[in-house]
Amino acid sequence: MHLSLTSSAIQFAMSETTWRDRLLSLIDADERSDRALSTAAGLGPNYIQQMRDRGTSPNITQTEKLCAVLGVSLIYVLTGMQMDREGEEFLALAATRSPEERRHLLELLRLMPPPSKLEQS
């Protein structure tokens, strides 16, 4: 089961869960066993079970592997923000720009009317 997190460009999560909580919830929602997911991620067959038992958190590389196997966005797991591929591309492109260019992008976005007003025109 792959969960889709692309209902809108960016949607903020309303709960106060941690990134580890979000990851474990996504693991629990998947039909595959912890063992199958661990193995598919290349982390060893008992990785997820040991993570649960010990209360540990995966490092960023392990988290990326788990997200890939689950078919979910690393951004969502880490921040709670749901974003489609365009939103992720926008962030990646903005990150390559200078601080001054990012400031101009922000100013432009702030000048734009809210999405609901754009849809009506």
PDB file of N, CA and C in Angstrom:
ATOM      1  N   MET A   1       0.850  -1.180   0.000  1.00  0.00           N
ATOM      2  CA  MET A   1       0.000   0.000   0.000  1.00  0.00           C
ATOM      3  C   MET A   1       0.891   1.237   0.000  1.00  0.00           C
ATOM      4  N   HIS A   2       0.744   2.079  -0.982  1.00  0.00           N
ATOM      5  CA  HIS A   2       1.482   3.332  -1.028  1.00  0.00           C
ATOM      6  C   HIS A   2       0.508   4.452  -0.724  1.00  0.00           C
ATOM      7  N   LEU A   3       0.859   5.295   0.221  1.00  0.00           N
ATOM      8  CA  LEU A   3      -0.026   6.378   0.631  1.00  0.00           C
ATOM      9  C   LEU A   3       0.236   7.606  -0.219  1.00  0.00           C
ATOM     10  N   SER A   4      -0.810   8.245  -0.672  1.00  0.00           N
ATOM     11  CA  SER A   4      -0.678   9.454  -1.467  1.00  0.00           C
ATOM     12  C   SER A   4      -0.775  10.664  -0.559  1.00  0.00           C
ATOM     13  N   LEU A   5       0.201  11.542  -0.665  1.00  0.00           N
ATOM     14  CA  LEU A   5       0.220  12.746   0.164  1.00  0.00           C
ATOM     15  C   LEU A   5       0.175  13.991  -0.710  1.00  0.00           C
ATOM     16  N   THR A   6      -0.564  13.922  -1.818  1.00  0.00           N
ATOM     17  CA  THR A   6      -0.516  15.004  -2.781  1.00  0.00           C
ATOM     18  C   THR A   6      -1.869  15.655  -3.025  1.00  0.00           C
ATOM     19  N   SER A   7      -2.675  15.828  -2.011  1.00  0.00           N
ATOM     20  CA  SER A   7      -4.005  16.400  -2.207  1.00  0.00           C
ATOM     21  C   SER A   7      -3.955  17.872  -2.596  1.00  0.00           C
ATOM     22  N   SER A   8      -2.901  18.578  -2.239  1.00  0.00           N
ATOM     23  CA  SER A   8      -2.720  19.965  -2.656  1.00  0.00           C
ATOM     24  C   SER A   8      -1.233  20.266  -2.666  1.00  0.00           C
ATOM     25  N   ALA A   9      -0.861  21.401  -3.224  1.00  0.00           N
ATOM     26  CA  ALA A   9       0.564  21.719  -3.339  1.00  0.00           C
ATOM     27  C   ALA A   9       1.257  21.666  -1.986  1.00  0.00           C
ATOM     28  N   ILE A  10       0.708  22.334  -0.999  1.00  0.00           N
ATOM     29  CA  ILE A  10       1.266  22.268   0.353  1.00  0.00           C
ATOM     30  C   ILE A  10       0.107  22.280   1.329  1.00  0.00           C
ATOM     31  N   GLN A  11       0.142  21.330   2.258  1.00  0.00           N
ATOM     32  CA  GLN A  11      -0.915  21.271   3.267  1.00  0.00           C
ATOM     33  C   GLN A  11      -0.226  21.014   4.600  1.00  0.00           C
ATOM     34  N   PHE A  12      -0.433  21.888   5.557  1.00  0.00           N
ATOM     35  CA  PHE A  12       0.229  21.735   6.839  1.00  0.00           C
ATOM     36  C   PHE A  12      -0.511  20.730   7.705  1.00  0.00           C
ATOM     37  N   ALA A  13       0.240  19.859   8.342  1.00  0.00           N
ATOM     38  CA  ALA A  13      -0.347  18.885   9.260  1.00  0.00           C
ATOM     39  C   ALA A  13      -0.816  19.626  10.503  1.00  0.00           C
ATOM     40  N   MET A  14      -1.970  19.264  10.992  1.00  0.00           N
ATOM     41  CA  MET A  14      -2.537  19.961  12.130  1.00  0.00           C
ATOM     42  C   MET A  14      -2.185  19.306  13.465  1.00  0.00           C
ATOM     43  N   SER A  15      -1.679  18.100  13.433  1.00  0.00           N
ATOM     44  CA  SER A  15      -1.382  17.417  14.687  1.00  0.00           C
ATOM     45  C   SER A  15       0.006  17.799  15.192  1.00  0.00           C
ATOM     46  N   GLU A  16       0.243  17.510  16.444  1.00  0.00           N
ATOM     47  CA  GLU A  16       1.524  17.830  17.052  1.00  0.00           C
ATOM     48  C   GLU A  16       2.383  16.582  17.197  1.00  0.00           C
ATOM     49  N   THR A  17       2.381  15.733  16.199  1.00  0.00           N
ATOM     50  CA  THR A  17       3.177  14.519  16.257  1.00  0.00           C
ATOM     51  C   THR A  17       4.618  14.818  15.877  1.00  0.00           C
ATOM     52  N   THR A  18       5.505  13.941  16.313  1.00  0.00           N
ATOM     53  CA  THR A  18       6.912  14.075  15.943  1.00  0.00           C
ATOM     54  C   THR A  18       7.149  13.366  14.620  1.00  0.00           C
ATOM     55  N   TRP A  19       8.308  13.612  14.036  1.00  0.00           N
ATOM     56  CA  TRP A  19       8.614  12.953  12.763  1.00  0.00           C
ATOM     57  C   TRP A  19       8.686  11.441  12.953  1.00  0.00           C
ATOM     58  N   ARG A  20       9.171  10.990  14.084  1.00  0.00           N
ATOM     59  CA  ARG A  20       9.233   9.547  14.355  1.00  0.00           C
ATOM     60  C   ARG A  20       7.819   8.966  14.450  1.00  0.00           C
ATOM     61  N   ASP A  21       6.910   9.699  15.103  1.00  0.00           N
ATOM     62  CA  ASP A  21       5.509   9.269  15.190  1.00  0.00           C
ATOM     63  C   ASP A  21       4.892   9.148  13.798  1.00  0.00           C
ATOM     64  N   ARG A  22       5.161  10.158  12.928  1.00  0.00           N
ATOM     65  CA  ARG A  22       4.615  10.110  11.578  1.00  0.00           C
ATOM     66  C   ARG A  22       5.165   8.907  10.824  1.00  0.00           C
ATOM     67  N   LEU A  23       6.459   8.652  10.960  1.00  0.00           N
ATOM     68  CA  LEU A  23       7.068   7.515  10.272  1.00  0.00           C
ATOM     69  C   LEU A  23       6.457   6.205  10.750  1.00  0.00           C
ATOM     70  N   LEU A  24       6.330   6.046  12.056  1.00  0.00           N
ATOM     71  CA  LEU A  24       5.755   4.802  12.582  1.00  0.00           C
ATOM     72  C   LEU A  24       4.289   4.645  12.179  1.00  0.00           C
ATOM     73  N   SER A  25       3.539   5.734  12.115  1.00  0.00           N
ATOM     74  CA  SER A  25       2.141   5.661  11.664  1.00  0.00           C
ATOM     75  C   SER A  25       2.061   5.198  10.216  1.00  0.00           C
ATOM     76  N   LEU A  26       2.967   5.691   9.388  1.00  0.00           N
ATOM     77  CA  LEU A  26       3.002   5.272   7.985  1.00  0.00           C
ATOM     78  C   LEU A  26       3.402   3.808   7.857  1.00  0.00           C
ATOM     79  N   ILE A  27       4.340   3.377   8.687  1.00  0.00           N
ATOM     80  CA  ILE A  27       4.739   1.963   8.701  1.00  0.00           C
ATOM     81  C   ILE A  27       3.546   1.107   9.117  1.00  0.00           C
ATOM     82  N   ASP A  28       2.844   1.537  10.169  1.00  0.00           N
ATOM     83  CA  ASP A  28       1.679   0.785  10.655  1.00  0.00           C
ATOM     84  C   ASP A  28       0.567   0.719   9.605  1.00  0.00           C
ATOM     85  N   ALA A  29       0.414   1.778   8.815  1.00  0.00           N
ATOM     86  CA  ALA A  29      -0.639   1.822   7.801  1.00  0.00           C
ATOM     87  C   ALA A  29      -0.323   0.948   6.587  1.00  0.00           C
ATOM     88  N   ASP A  30       0.931   0.583   6.426  1.00  0.00           N
ATOM     89  CA  ASP A  30       1.326  -0.248   5.290  1.00  0.00           C
ATOM     90  C   ASP A  30       0.931  -1.696   5.554  1.00  0.00           C
ATOM     91  N   GLU A  31       0.480  -2.380   4.518  1.00  0.00           N
ATOM     92  CA  GLU A  31       0.017  -3.765   4.661  1.00  0.00           C
ATOM     93  C   GLU A  31       1.155  -4.747   4.915  1.00  0.00           C
ATOM     94  N   ARG A  32       2.366  -4.361   4.562  1.00  0.00           N
ATOM     95  CA  ARG A  32       3.502  -5.271   4.724  1.00  0.00           C
ATOM     96  C   ARG A  32       3.945  -5.337   6.183  1.00  0.00           C
ATOM     97  N   SER A  33       4.586  -6.427   6.533  1.00  0.00           N
ATOM     98  CA  SER A  33       5.088  -6.603   7.897  1.00  0.00           C
ATOM     99  C   SER A  33       6.306  -5.707   8.119  1.00  0.00           C
ATOM    100  N   ASP A  34       6.624  -5.476   9.388  1.00  0.00           N
ATOM    101  CA  ASP A  34       7.834  -4.723   9.721  1.00  0.00           C
ATOM    102  C   ASP A  34       9.050  -5.382   9.083  1.00  0.00           C
ATOM    103  N   ARG A  35       9.086  -6.697   9.135  1.00  0.00           N
ATOM    104  CA  ARG A  35      10.212  -7.457   8.582  1.00  0.00           C
ATOM    105  C   ARG A  35      10.323  -7.236   7.066  1.00  0.00           C
ATOM    106  N   ALA A  36       9.191  -7.295   6.369  1.00  0.00           N
ATOM    107  CA  ALA A  36       9.193  -7.097   4.916  1.00  0.00           C
ATOM    108  C   ALA A  36       9.632  -5.676   4.554  1.00  0.00           C
ATOM    109  N   LEU A  37       9.141  -4.687   5.294  1.00  0.00           N
ATOM    110  CA  LEU A  37       9.529  -3.299   5.038  1.00  0.00           C
ATOM    111  C   LEU A  37      11.011  -3.074   5.320  1.00  0.00           C
ATOM    112  N   SER A  38      11.490  -3.615   6.432  1.00  0.00           N
ATOM    113  CA  SER A  38      12.905  -3.475   6.788  1.00  0.00           C
ATOM    114  C   SER A  38      13.793  -4.058   5.705  1.00  0.00           C
ATOM    115  N   THR A  39      13.427  -5.246   5.251  1.00  0.00           N
ATOM    116  CA  THR A  39      14.213  -5.925   4.221  1.00  0.00           C
ATOM    117  C   THR A  39      14.155  -5.157   2.903  1.00  0.00           C
ATOM    118  N   ALA A  40      12.965  -4.699   2.524  1.00  0.00           N
ATOM    119  CA  ALA A  40      12.808  -3.947   1.277  1.00  0.00           C
ATOM    120  C   ALA A  40      13.628  -2.660   1.292  1.00  0.00           C
ATOM    121  N   ALA A  41      13.786  -2.065   2.475  1.00  0.00           N
ATOM    122  CA  ALA A  41      14.566  -0.831   2.607  1.00  0.00           C
ATOM    123  C   ALA A  41      16.064  -1.107   2.686  1.00  0.00           C
ATOM    124  N   GLY A  42      16.435  -2.379   2.736  1.00  0.00           N
ATOM    125  CA  GLY A  42      17.852  -2.731   2.817  1.00  0.00           C
ATOM    126  C   GLY A  42      18.458  -2.456   4.178  1.00  0.00           C
ATOM    127  N   LEU A  43      17.630  -2.517   5.218  1.00  0.00           N
ATOM    128  CA  LEU A  43      18.091  -2.183   6.569  1.00  0.00           C
ATOM    129  C   LEU A  43      18.249  -3.400   7.467  1.00  0.00           C
ATOM    130  N   GLY A  44      18.094  -4.575   6.939  1.00  0.00           N
ATOM    131  CA  GLY A  44      18.149  -5.780   7.755  1.00  0.00           C
ATOM    132  C   GLY A  44      16.746  -6.153   8.193  1.00  0.00           C
ATOM    133  N   PRO A  45      16.466  -7.431   8.318  1.00  0.00           N
ATOM    134  CA  PRO A  45      15.095  -7.888   8.554  1.00  0.00           C
ATOM    135  C   PRO A  45      14.472  -7.442   9.871  1.00  0.00           C
ATOM    136  N   ASN A  46      15.259  -7.155  10.880  1.00  0.00           N
ATOM    137  CA  ASN A  46      14.710  -6.806  12.197  1.00  0.00           C
ATOM    138  C   ASN A  46      14.812  -5.319  12.530  1.00  0.00           C
ATOM    139  N   TYR A  47      15.199  -4.493  11.561  1.00  0.00           N
ATOM    140  CA  TYR A  47      15.479  -3.091  11.853  1.00  0.00           C
ATOM    141  C   TYR A  47      14.289  -2.364  12.482  1.00  0.00           C
ATOM    142  N   ILE A  48      13.117  -2.427  11.848  1.00  0.00           N
ATOM    143  CA  ILE A  48      11.954  -1.680  12.360  1.00  0.00           C
ATOM    144  C   ILE A  48      11.541  -2.202  13.729  1.00  0.00           C
ATOM    145  N   GLN A  49      11.537  -3.510  13.908  1.00  0.00           N
ATOM    146  CA  GLN A  49      11.166  -4.079  15.206  1.00  0.00           C
ATOM    147  C   GLN A  49      12.130  -3.617  16.293  1.00  0.00           C
ATOM    148  N   GLN A  50      13.421  -3.606  15.991  1.00  0.00           N
ATOM    149  CA  GLN A  50      14.412  -3.136  16.966  1.00  0.00           C
ATOM    150  C   GLN A  50      14.242  -1.645  17.242  1.00  0.00           C
ATOM    151  N   MET A  51      13.911  -0.883  16.218  1.00  0.00           N
ATOM    152  CA  MET A  51      13.668   0.549  16.391  1.00  0.00           C
ATOM    153  C   MET A  51      12.499   0.760  17.356  1.00  0.00           C
ATOM    154  N   ARG A  52      11.448  -0.031  17.187  1.00  0.00           N
ATOM    155  CA  ARG A  52      10.289   0.064  18.090  1.00  0.00           C
ATOM    156  C   ARG A  52      10.675  -0.357  19.510  1.00  0.00           C
ATOM    157  N   ASP A  53      11.322  -1.530  19.627  1.00  0.00           N
ATOM    158  CA  ASP A  53      11.664  -2.086  20.940  1.00  0.00           C
ATOM    159  C   ASP A  53      12.595  -1.176  21.731  1.00  0.00           C
ATOM    160  N   ARG A  54      13.543  -0.578  21.048  1.00  0.00           N
ATOM    161  CA  ARG A  54      14.558   0.246  21.726  1.00  0.00           C
ATOM    162  C   ARG A  54      14.165   1.715  21.832  1.00  0.00           C
ATOM    163  N   GLY A  55      13.105   2.097  21.130  1.00  0.00           N
ATOM    164  CA  GLY A  55      12.683   3.499  21.153  1.00  0.00           C
ATOM    165  C   GLY A  55      13.638   4.423  20.427  1.00  0.00           C
ATOM    166  N   THR A  56      14.415   3.867  19.493  1.00  0.00           N
ATOM    167  CA  THR A  56      15.389   4.670  18.761  1.00  0.00           C
ATOM    168  C   THR A  56      14.766   5.263  17.505  1.00  0.00           C
ATOM    169  N   SER A  57      15.465   6.218  16.933  1.00  0.00           N
ATOM    170  CA  SER A  57      15.032   6.845  15.688  1.00  0.00           C
ATOM    171  C   SER A  57      16.064   6.560  14.609  1.00  0.00           C
ATOM    172  N   PRO A  58      15.605   6.346  13.387  1.00  0.00           N
ATOM    173  CA  PRO A  58      16.554   6.113  12.297  1.00  0.00           C
ATOM    174  C   PRO A  58      17.301   7.397  11.947  1.00  0.00           C
ATOM    175  N   ASN A  59      18.511   7.240  11.408  1.00  0.00           N
ATOM    176  CA  ASN A  59      19.227   8.417  10.926  1.00  0.00           C
ATOM    177  C   ASN A  59      18.612   8.850   9.597  1.00  0.00           C
ATOM    178  N   ILE A  60      19.112   9.920   9.018  1.00  0.00           N
ATOM    179  CA  ILE A  60      18.487  10.472   7.813  1.00  0.00           C
ATOM    180  C   ILE A  60      18.556   9.497   6.642  1.00  0.00           C
ATOM    181  N   THR A  61      19.656   8.783   6.495  1.00  0.00           N
ATOM    182  CA  THR A  61      19.781   7.821   5.395  1.00  0.00           C
ATOM    183  C   THR A  61      18.777   6.689   5.551  1.00  0.00           C
ATOM    184  N   GLN A  62      18.637   6.185   6.755  1.00  0.00           N
ATOM    185  CA  GLN A  62      17.667   5.118   7.019  1.00  0.00           C
ATOM    186  C   GLN A  62      16.241   5.622   6.811  1.00  0.00           C
ATOM    187  N   THR A  63      15.979   6.846   7.228  1.00  0.00           N
ATOM    188  CA  THR A  63      14.651   7.439   7.053  1.00  0.00           C
ATOM    189  C   THR A  63      14.331   7.595   5.571  1.00  0.00           C
ATOM    190  N   GLU A  64      15.310   8.045   4.786  1.00  0.00           N
ATOM    191  CA  GLU A  64      15.108   8.164   3.337  1.00  0.00           C
ATOM    192  C   GLU A  64      14.759   6.816   2.718  1.00  0.00           C
ATOM    193  N   LYS A  65      15.465   5.774   3.138  1.00  0.00           N
ATOM    194  CA  LYS A  65      15.206   4.433   2.604  1.00  0.00           C
ATOM    195  C   LYS A  65      13.803   3.959   2.971  1.00  0.00           C
ATOM    196  N   LEU A  66      13.401   4.194   4.206  1.00  0.00           N
ATOM    197  CA  LEU A  66      12.057   3.793   4.626  1.00  0.00           C
ATOM    198  C   LEU A  66      10.989   4.579   3.863  1.00  0.00           C
ATOM    199  N   CYS A  67      11.203   5.872   3.684  1.00  0.00           N
ATOM    200  CA  CYS A  67      10.242   6.691   2.935  1.00  0.00           C
ATOM    201  C   CYS A  67      10.113   6.197   1.498  1.00  0.00           C
ATOM    202  N   ALA A  68      11.232   5.845   0.887  1.00  0.00           N
ATOM    203  CA  ALA A  68      11.201   5.348  -0.493  1.00  0.00           C
ATOM    204  C   ALA A  68      10.383   4.065  -0.587  1.00  0.00           C
ATOM    205  N   VAL A  69      10.584   3.159   0.354  1.00  0.00           N
ATOM    206  CA  VAL A  69       9.852   1.886   0.356  1.00  0.00           C
ATOM    207  C   VAL A  69       8.365   2.117   0.624  1.00  0.00           C
ATOM    208  N   LEU A  70       8.058   3.082   1.479  1.00  0.00           N
ATOM    209  CA  LEU A  70       6.665   3.387   1.810  1.00  0.00           C
ATOM    210  C   LEU A  70       5.986   4.231   0.732  1.00  0.00           C
ATOM    211  N   GLY A  71       6.785   4.830  -0.149  1.00  0.00           N
ATOM    212  CA  GLY A  71       6.224   5.687  -1.191  1.00  0.00           C
ATOM    213  C   GLY A  71       5.717   7.006  -0.657  1.00  0.00           C
ATOM    214  N   VAL A  72       6.394   7.535   0.365  1.00  0.00           N
ATOM    215  CA  VAL A  72       5.980   8.798   0.975  1.00  0.00           C
ATOM    216  C   VAL A  72       7.118   9.809   0.908  1.00  0.00           C
ATOM    217  N   SER A  73       6.777  11.053   1.079  1.00  0.00           N
ATOM    218  CA  SER A  73       7.730  12.147   1.011  1.00  0.00           C
ATOM    219  C   SER A  73       8.535  12.269   2.303  1.00  0.00           C
ATOM    220  N   LEU A  74       9.832  12.398   2.155  1.00  0.00           N
ATOM    221  CA  LEU A  74      10.696  12.651   3.306  1.00  0.00           C
ATOM    222  C   LEU A  74      10.316  13.979   3.966  1.00  0.00           C
ATOM    223  N   ILE A  75       9.944  14.956   3.157  1.00  0.00           N
ATOM    224  CA  ILE A  75       9.537  16.260   3.698  1.00  0.00           C
ATOM    225  C   ILE A  75       8.347  16.101   4.635  1.00  0.00           C
ATOM    226  N   TYR A  76       7.361  15.290   4.232  1.00  0.00           N
ATOM    227  CA  TYR A  76       6.203  15.073   5.099  1.00  0.00           C
ATOM    228  C   TYR A  76       6.618  14.425   6.415  1.00  0.00           C
ATOM    229  N   VAL A  77       7.426  13.384   6.345  1.00  0.00           N
ATOM    230  CA  VAL A  77       7.829  12.676   7.564  1.00  0.00           C
ATOM    231  C   VAL A  77       8.575  13.619   8.500  1.00  0.00           C
ATOM    232  N   LEU A  78       9.492  14.402   7.976  1.00  0.00           N
ATOM    233  CA  LEU A  78      10.313  15.263   8.831  1.00  0.00           C
ATOM    234  C   LEU A  78       9.592  16.501   9.336  1.00  0.00           C
ATOM    235  N   THR A  79       8.699  17.075   8.526  1.00  0.00           N
ATOM    236  CA  THR A  79       8.096  18.360   8.900  1.00  0.00           C
ATOM    237  C   THR A  79       6.600  18.313   9.173  1.00  0.00           C
ATOM    238  N   GLY A  80       5.924  17.304   8.658  1.00  0.00           N
ATOM    239  CA  GLY A  80       4.475  17.264   8.772  1.00  0.00           C
ATOM    240  C   GLY A  80       3.774  18.022   7.663  1.00  0.00           C
ATOM    241  N   MET A  81       4.539  18.627   6.740  1.00  0.00           N
ATOM    242  CA  MET A  81       3.949  19.336   5.604  1.00  0.00           C
ATOM    243  C   MET A  81       3.751  18.360   4.460  1.00  0.00           C
ATOM    244  N   GLN A  82       2.547  18.348   3.912  1.00  0.00           N
ATOM    245  CA  GLN A  82       2.277  17.510   2.747  1.00  0.00           C
ATOM    246  C   GLN A  82       2.495  18.346   1.497  1.00  0.00           C
ATOM    247  N   MET A  83       3.230  17.787   0.570  1.00  0.00           N
ATOM    248  CA  MET A  83       3.617  18.542  -0.603  1.00  0.00           C
ATOM    249  C   MET A  83       3.648  17.621  -1.817  1.00  0.00           C
ATOM    250  N   ASP A  84       3.147  18.119  -2.946  1.00  0.00           N
ATOM    251  CA  ASP A  84       3.239  17.319  -4.164  1.00  0.00           C
ATOM    252  C   ASP A  84       4.614  17.536  -4.803  1.00  0.00           C
ATOM    253  N   ARG A  85       4.851  16.877  -5.922  1.00  0.00           N
ATOM    254  CA  ARG A  85       6.167  16.956  -6.577  1.00  0.00           C
ATOM    255  C   ARG A  85       6.507  18.381  -7.015  1.00  0.00           C
ATOM    256  N   GLU A  86       5.504  19.146  -7.458  1.00  0.00           N
ATOM    257  CA  GLU A  86       5.763  20.534  -7.843  1.00  0.00           C
ATOM    258  C   GLU A  86       6.227  21.360  -6.648  1.00  0.00           C
ATOM    259  N   GLY A  87       5.596  21.139  -5.500  1.00  0.00           N
ATOM    260  CA  GLY A  87       6.012  21.847  -4.293  1.00  0.00           C
ATOM    261  C   GLY A  87       7.434  21.495  -3.902  1.00  0.00           C
ATOM    262  N   GLU A  88       7.773  20.205  -3.987  1.00  0.00           N
ATOM    263  CA  GLU A  88       9.138  19.776  -3.675  1.00  0.00           C
ATOM    264  C   GLU A  88      10.132  20.363  -4.667  1.00  0.00           C
ATOM    265  N   GLU A  89       9.752  20.391  -5.957  1.00  0.00           N
ATOM    266  CA  GLU A  89      10.633  20.977  -6.972  1.00  0.00           C
ATOM    267  C   GLU A  89      10.835  22.469  -6.703  1.00  0.00           C
ATOM    268  N   PHE A  90       9.750  23.158  -6.331  1.00  0.00           N
ATOM    269  CA  PHE A  90       9.846  24.582  -6.023  1.00  0.00           C
ATOM    270  C   PHE A  90      10.845  24.823  -4.889  1.00  0.00           C
ATOM    271  N   LEU A  91      10.726  24.037  -3.826  1.00  0.00           N
ATOM    272  CA  LEU A  91      11.660  24.186  -2.705  1.00  0.00           C
ATOM    273  C   LEU A  91      13.093  23.905  -3.127  1.00  0.00           C
ATOM    274  N   ALA A  92      13.286  22.851  -3.921  1.00  0.00           N
ATOM    275  CA  ALA A  92      14.633  22.502  -4.371  1.00  0.00           C
ATOM    276  C   ALA A  92      15.226  23.625  -5.224  1.00  0.00           C
ATOM    277  N   LEU A  93      14.420  24.193  -6.110  1.00  0.00           N
ATOM    278  CA  LEU A  93      14.908  25.293  -6.943  1.00  0.00           C
ATOM    279  C   LEU A  93      15.173  26.546  -6.111  1.00  0.00           C
ATOM    280  N   ALA A  94      14.283  26.845  -5.189  1.00  0.00           N
ATOM    281  CA  ALA A  94      14.467  28.024  -4.337  1.00  0.00           C
ATOM    282  C   ALA A  94      15.729  27.893  -3.489  1.00  0.00           C
ATOM    283  N   ALA A  95      16.039  26.679  -3.071  1.00  0.00           N
ATOM    284  CA  ALA A  95      17.223  26.458  -2.234  1.00  0.00           C
ATOM    285  C   ALA A  95      18.519  26.746  -2.985  1.00  0.00           C
ATOM    286  N   THR A  96      18.481  26.695  -4.323  1.00  0.00           N
ATOM    287  CA  THR A  96      19.698  26.950  -5.106  1.00  0.00           C
ATOM    288  C   THR A  96      19.917  28.439  -5.342  1.00  0.00           C
ATOM    289  N   ARG A  97      18.951  29.256  -4.995  1.00  0.00           N
ATOM    290  CA  ARG A  97      19.030  30.689  -5.240  1.00  0.00           C
ATOM    291  C   ARG A  97      19.735  31.415  -4.102  1.00  0.00           C
ATOM    292  N   SER A  98      20.220  32.595  -4.414  1.00  0.00           N
ATOM    293  CA  SER A  98      20.893  33.411  -3.401  1.00  0.00           C
ATOM    294  C   SER A  98      19.855  33.907  -2.391  1.00  0.00           C
ATOM    295  N   PRO A  99      20.307  34.329  -1.209  1.00  0.00           N
ATOM    296  CA  PRO A  99      19.361  34.875  -0.225  1.00  0.00           C
ATOM    297  C   PRO A  99      18.545  36.045  -0.792  1.00  0.00           C
ATOM    298  N   GLU A 100      19.179  36.884  -1.597  1.00  0.00           N
ATOM    299  CA  GLU A 100      18.456  38.020  -2.178  1.00  0.00           C
ATOM    300  C   GLU A 100      17.380  37.536  -3.152  1.00  0.00           C
ATOM    301  N   GLU A 101      17.705  36.550  -3.975  1.00  0.00           N
ATOM    302  CA  GLU A 101      16.713  36.015  -4.912  1.00  0.00           C
ATOM    303  C   GLU A 101      15.558  35.350  -4.165  1.00  0.00           C
ATOM    304  N   ARG A 102      15.856  34.639  -3.092  1.00  0.00           N
ATOM    305  CA  ARG A 102      14.785  34.019  -2.290  1.00  0.00           C
ATOM    306  C   ARG A 102      13.896  35.086  -1.666  1.00  0.00           C
ATOM    307  N   ARG A 103      14.505  36.182  -1.215  1.00  0.00           N
ATOM    308  CA  ARG A 103      13.725  37.279  -0.639  1.00  0.00           C
ATOM    309  C   ARG A 103      12.769  37.847  -1.687  1.00  0.00           C
ATOM    310  N   HIS A 104      13.248  38.010  -2.923  1.00  0.00           N
ATOM    311  CA  HIS A 104      12.386  38.511  -4.002  1.00  0.00           C
ATOM    312  C   HIS A 104      11.254  37.528  -4.311  1.00  0.00           C
ATOM    313  N   LEU A 105      11.563  36.243  -4.312  1.00  0.00           N
ATOM    314  CA  LEU A 105      10.514  35.235  -4.532  1.00  0.00           C
ATOM    315  C   LEU A 105       9.446  35.315  -3.449  1.00  0.00           C
ATOM    316  N   LEU A 106       9.890  35.450  -2.203  1.00  0.00           N
ATOM    317  CA  LEU A 106       8.936  35.567  -1.098  1.00  0.00           C
ATOM    318  C   LEU A 106       8.071  36.819  -1.241  1.00  0.00           C
ATOM    319  N   GLU A 107       8.703  37.925  -1.609  1.00  0.00           N
ATOM    320  CA  GLU A 107       7.942  39.165  -1.797  1.00  0.00           C
ATOM    321  C   GLU A 107       6.890  38.988  -2.882  1.00  0.00           C
ATOM    322  N   LEU A 108       7.264  38.346  -3.981  1.00  0.00           N
ATOM    323  CA  LEU A 108       6.319  38.097  -5.069  1.00  0.00           C
ATOM    324  C   LEU A 108       5.163  37.221  -4.601  1.00  0.00           C
ATOM    325  N   LEU A 109       5.463  36.159  -3.888  1.00  0.00           N
ATOM    326  CA  LEU A 109       4.413  35.265  -3.394  1.00  0.00           C
ATOM    327  C   LEU A 109       3.488  35.972  -2.412  1.00  0.00           C
ATOM    328  N   ARG A 110       4.043  36.834  -1.584  1.00  0.00           N
ATOM    329  CA  ARG A 110       3.223  37.560  -0.606  1.00  0.00           C
ATOM    330  C   ARG A 110       2.279  38.559  -1.281  1.00  0.00           C
ATOM    331  N   LEU A 111       2.671  39.060  -2.451  1.00  0.00           N
ATOM    332  CA  LEU A 111       1.830  40.007  -3.189  1.00  0.00           C
ATOM    333  C   LEU A 111       0.673  39.329  -3.908  1.00  0.00           C
ATOM    334  N   MET A 112       0.796  38.046  -4.147  1.00  0.00           N
ATOM    335  CA  MET A 112      -0.249  37.313  -4.865  1.00  0.00           C
ATOM    336  C   MET A 112      -1.461  37.121  -3.965  1.00  0.00           C
ATOM    337  N   PRO A 113      -2.670  37.179  -4.559  1.00  0.00           N
ATOM    338  CA  PRO A 113      -3.872  36.926  -3.758  1.00  0.00           C
ATOM    339  C   PRO A 113      -3.909  35.467  -3.309  1.00  0.00           C
ATOM    340  N   PRO A 114      -4.650  35.178  -2.254  1.00  0.00           N
ATOM    341  CA  PRO A 114      -4.777  33.786  -1.802  1.00  0.00           C
ATOM    342  C   PRO A 114      -5.303  32.898  -2.926  1.00  0.00           C
ATOM    343  N   PRO A 115      -5.005  31.613  -2.905  1.00  0.00           N
ATOM    344  CA  PRO A 115      -5.422  30.703  -3.978  1.00  0.00           C
ATOM    345  C   PRO A 115      -6.907  30.749  -4.297  1.00  0.00           C
ATOM    346  N   SER A 116      -7.765  30.888  -3.308  1.00  0.00           N
ATOM    347  CA  SER A 116      -9.206  30.895  -3.577  1.00  0.00           C
ATOM    348  C   SER A 116      -9.593  32.058  -4.481  1.00  0.00           C
ATOM    349  N   LYS A 117      -8.945  33.209  -4.332  1.00  0.00           N
ATOM    350  CA  LYS A 117      -9.238  34.361  -5.181  1.00  0.00           C
ATOM    351  C   LYS A 117      -8.688  34.149  -6.589  1.00  0.00           C
ATOM    352  N   LEU A 118      -7.560  33.464  -6.711  1.00  0.00           N
ATOM    353  CA  LEU A 118      -6.998  33.175  -8.028  1.00  0.00           C
ATOM    354  C   LEU A 118      -7.911  32.241  -8.812  1.00  0.00           C
ATOM    355  N   GLU A 119      -8.507  31.270  -8.142  1.00  0.00           N
ATOM    356  CA  GLU A 119      -9.372  30.290  -8.794  1.00  0.00           C
ATOM    357  C   GLU A 119     -10.654  30.932  -9.317  1.00  0.00           C
ATOM    358  N   GLN A 120     -11.114  32.005  -8.669  1.00  0.00           N
ATOM    359  CA  GLN A 120     -12.362  32.651  -9.067  1.00  0.00           C
ATOM    360  C   GLN A 120     -12.185  33.539 -10.291  1.00  0.00           C
ATOM    361  N   SER A 121     -10.968  33.970 -10.583  1.00  0.00           N
ATOM    362  CA  SER A 121     -10.771  34.892 -11.711  1.00  0.00           C
ATOM    363  C   SER A 121     -10.575  34.177 -13.015  1.00  0.00           C
TER     364      SER A 121
END
